[in-house]
Amino acid sequence: MTVYCVALINITDRDRYDTYRKGFHEVFSRYSGKLVSVEEEPDVREGTWPYTRTVLMEFPDSASFDAWYNSPDYQTLARHRHAAATTLLSVIRAL
């Protein structure tokens, strides 16, 4: 079953985050994931949106997401994101 990963990110150190961003696609491309949307200025219709980046990813199933997220290569890269931003990350399942 298809799953989506939603990342709501507040970037506090752009230079360090760019290190993460530059290495992201090379690791991500190995795990059957698809970037659906990356927005820095979403069209907010209600409320306030306190995030500097919103990312929506699609994976064919939970196992594919878990393989990517838990991979040593991604976890090494994610250290840069952890140092440069705060993130809310959730996985949701398609209907």
C-alpha atoms as a PDB file:
ATOM      1  CA  MET A   1       0.000   0.000   0.000  1.00  0.00           C
ATOM      2  CA  THR A   2       1.342   3.434  -0.958  1.00  0.00           C
ATOM      3  CA  VAL A   3       2.588   5.599   1.895  1.00  0.00           C
ATOM      4  CA  TYR A   4       3.379   9.296   2.004  1.00  0.00           C
ATOM      5  CA  CYS A   5       5.947  11.006   4.150  1.00  0.00           C
ATOM      6  CA  VAL A   6       5.256  14.609   5.154  1.00  0.00           C
ATOM      7  CA  ALA A   7       8.187  16.648   6.470  1.00  0.00           C
ATOM      8  CA  LEU A   8       7.504  20.050   8.019  1.00  0.00           C
ATOM      9  CA  ILE A   9      10.857  21.755   8.434  1.00  0.00           C
ATOM     10  CA  ASN A  10      12.081  24.935  10.118  1.00  0.00           C
ATOM     11  CA  ILE A  11      15.540  25.669   8.746  1.00  0.00           C
ATOM     12  CA  THR A  12      17.804  27.587  11.113  1.00  0.00           C
ATOM     13  CA  ASP A  13      21.154  27.154   9.338  1.00  0.00           C
ATOM     14  CA  ARG A  14      20.841  27.359   5.535  1.00  0.00           C
ATOM     15  CA  ASP A  15      24.479  26.514   4.832  1.00  0.00           C
ATOM     16  CA  ARG A  16      24.374  23.314   6.864  1.00  0.00           C
ATOM     17  CA  TYR A  17      20.950  22.438   5.449  1.00  0.00           C
ATOM     18  CA  ASP A  18      22.358  22.843   1.927  1.00  0.00           C
ATOM     19  CA  THR A  19      24.859  20.084   2.727  1.00  0.00           C
ATOM     20  CA  TYR A  20      21.866  17.845   3.477  1.00  0.00           C
ATOM     21  CA  ARG A  21      19.933  19.021   0.430  1.00  0.00           C
ATOM     22  CA  LYS A  22      22.863  18.450  -1.954  1.00  0.00           C
ATOM     23  CA  GLY A  23      23.270  14.824  -0.842  1.00  0.00           C
ATOM     24  CA  PHE A  24      19.576  14.014  -0.557  1.00  0.00           C
ATOM     25  CA  HIS A  25      18.703  12.927  -4.130  1.00  0.00           C
ATOM     26  CA  GLU A  26      21.647  10.569  -4.477  1.00  0.00           C
ATOM     27  CA  VAL A  27      20.544   8.588  -1.407  1.00  0.00           C
ATOM     28  CA  PHE A  28      16.773   8.998  -1.939  1.00  0.00           C
ATOM     29  CA  SER A  29      16.910   7.701  -5.533  1.00  0.00           C
ATOM     30  CA  ARG A  30      17.988   4.241  -4.335  1.00  0.00           C
ATOM     31  CA  TYR A  31      14.766   3.487  -2.435  1.00  0.00           C
ATOM     32  CA  SER A  32      11.820   3.720  -4.864  1.00  0.00           C
ATOM     33  CA  GLY A  33      10.744   7.034  -3.392  1.00  0.00           C
ATOM     34  CA  LYS A  34       9.196   9.864  -5.345  1.00  0.00           C
ATOM     35  CA  LEU A  35       9.333  13.540  -4.403  1.00  0.00           C
ATOM     36  CA  VAL A  36       5.789  14.797  -4.861  1.00  0.00           C
ATOM     37  CA  SER A  37       6.276  18.381  -3.660  1.00  0.00           C
ATOM     38  CA  VAL A  38       8.878  20.641  -2.071  1.00  0.00           C
ATOM     39  CA  GLU A  39       7.562  24.053  -1.056  1.00  0.00           C
ATOM     40  CA  GLU A  40       9.191  26.994   0.660  1.00  0.00           C
ATOM     41  CA  GLU A  41       6.112  29.206   0.337  1.00  0.00           C
ATOM     42  CA  PRO A  42       2.934  27.101   0.215  1.00  0.00           C
ATOM     43  CA  ASP A  43      -0.398  28.716  -0.530  1.00  0.00           C
ATOM     44  CA  VAL A  44      -1.812  28.777   3.005  1.00  0.00           C
ATOM     45  CA  ARG A  45      -5.611  29.015   3.000  1.00  0.00           C
ATOM     46  CA  GLU A  46      -6.298  28.816   6.732  1.00  0.00           C
ATOM     47  CA  GLY A  47      -4.196  29.579   9.771  1.00  0.00           C
ATOM     48  CA  THR A  48      -0.481  30.239   9.836  1.00  0.00           C
ATOM     49  CA  TRP A  49       2.254  28.043   8.413  1.00  0.00           C
ATOM     50  CA  PRO A  50       5.376  28.394  10.548  1.00  0.00           C
ATOM     51  CA  TYR A  51       7.578  26.111   8.426  1.00  0.00           C
ATOM     52  CA  THR A  52      10.322  27.202   6.055  1.00  0.00           C
ATOM     53  CA  ARG A  53      10.105  24.047   3.938  1.00  0.00           C
ATOM     54  CA  THR A  54       7.388  21.459   3.393  1.00  0.00           C
ATOM     55  CA  VAL A  55       8.210  18.183   1.659  1.00  0.00           C
ATOM     56  CA  LEU A  56       5.837  15.465   0.466  1.00  0.00           C
ATOM     57  CA  MET A  57       7.330  12.108  -0.556  1.00  0.00           C
ATOM     58  CA  GLU A  58       5.682   8.953  -1.851  1.00  0.00           C
ATOM     59  CA  PHE A  59       6.842   5.370  -1.380  1.00  0.00           C
ATOM     60  CA  PRO A  60       5.275   2.170  -2.739  1.00  0.00           C
ATOM     61  CA  ASP A  61       4.937   0.767   0.791  1.00  0.00           C
ATOM     62  CA  SER A  62       6.065   1.141   4.395  1.00  0.00           C
ATOM     63  CA  ALA A  63       8.969  -1.250   3.869  1.00  0.00           C
ATOM     64  CA  SER A  64      10.416   1.016   1.157  1.00  0.00           C
ATOM     65  CA  PHE A  65      10.104   4.061   3.400  1.00  0.00           C
ATOM     66  CA  ASP A  66      11.692   2.216   6.322  1.00  0.00           C
ATOM     67  CA  ALA A  67      14.551   0.952   4.119  1.00  0.00           C
ATOM     68  CA  TRP A  68      15.325   4.529   3.020  1.00  0.00           C
ATOM     69  CA  TYR A  69      14.840   6.228   6.385  1.00  0.00           C
ATOM     70  CA  ASN A  70      16.799   3.637   8.372  1.00  0.00           C
ATOM     71  CA  SER A  71      19.606   3.192   5.845  1.00  0.00           C
ATOM     72  CA  PRO A  72      23.080   4.044   7.147  1.00  0.00           C
ATOM     73  CA  ASP A  73      23.634   6.413   4.199  1.00  0.00           C
ATOM     74  CA  TYR A  74      20.480   8.401   4.929  1.00  0.00           C
ATOM     75  CA  GLN A  75      21.067   8.479   8.685  1.00  0.00           C
ATOM     76  CA  THR A  76      24.585   9.838   8.088  1.00  0.00           C
ATOM     77  CA  LEU A  77      23.179  12.531   5.799  1.00  0.00           C
ATOM     78  CA  ALA A  78      20.266  13.313   8.142  1.00  0.00           C
ATOM     79  CA  ARG A  79      22.733  14.487  10.805  1.00  0.00           C
ATOM     80  CA  HIS A  80      23.137  17.665   8.743  1.00  0.00           C
ATOM     81  CA  ARG A  81      19.370  18.239   8.729  1.00  0.00           C
ATOM     82  CA  HIS A  82      19.159  17.591  12.466  1.00  0.00           C
ATOM     83  CA  ALA A  83      21.889  20.180  13.080  1.00  0.00           C
ATOM     84  CA  ALA A  84      20.383  22.747  10.696  1.00  0.00           C
ATOM     85  CA  ALA A  85      16.644  22.469  11.290  1.00  0.00           C
ATOM     86  CA  THR A  86      13.820  21.168  13.405  1.00  0.00           C
ATOM     87  CA  THR A  87      11.528  18.736  11.646  1.00  0.00           C
ATOM     88  CA  LEU A  88       8.121  17.185  12.155  1.00  0.00           C
ATOM     89  CA  LEU A  89       8.010  13.993  10.088  1.00  0.00           C
ATOM     90  CA  SER A  90       5.032  11.710   9.649  1.00  0.00           C
ATOM     91  CA  VAL A  91       4.097   8.756   7.489  1.00  0.00           C
ATOM     92  CA  ILE A  92       0.531   8.435   6.283  1.00  0.00           C
ATOM     93  CA  ARG A  93      -1.077   5.639   4.306  1.00  0.00           C
ATOM     94  CA  ALA A  94      -3.073   6.045   1.120  1.00  0.00           C
ATOM     95  CA  LEU A  95      -6.731   5.095   1.202  1.00  0.00           C
END
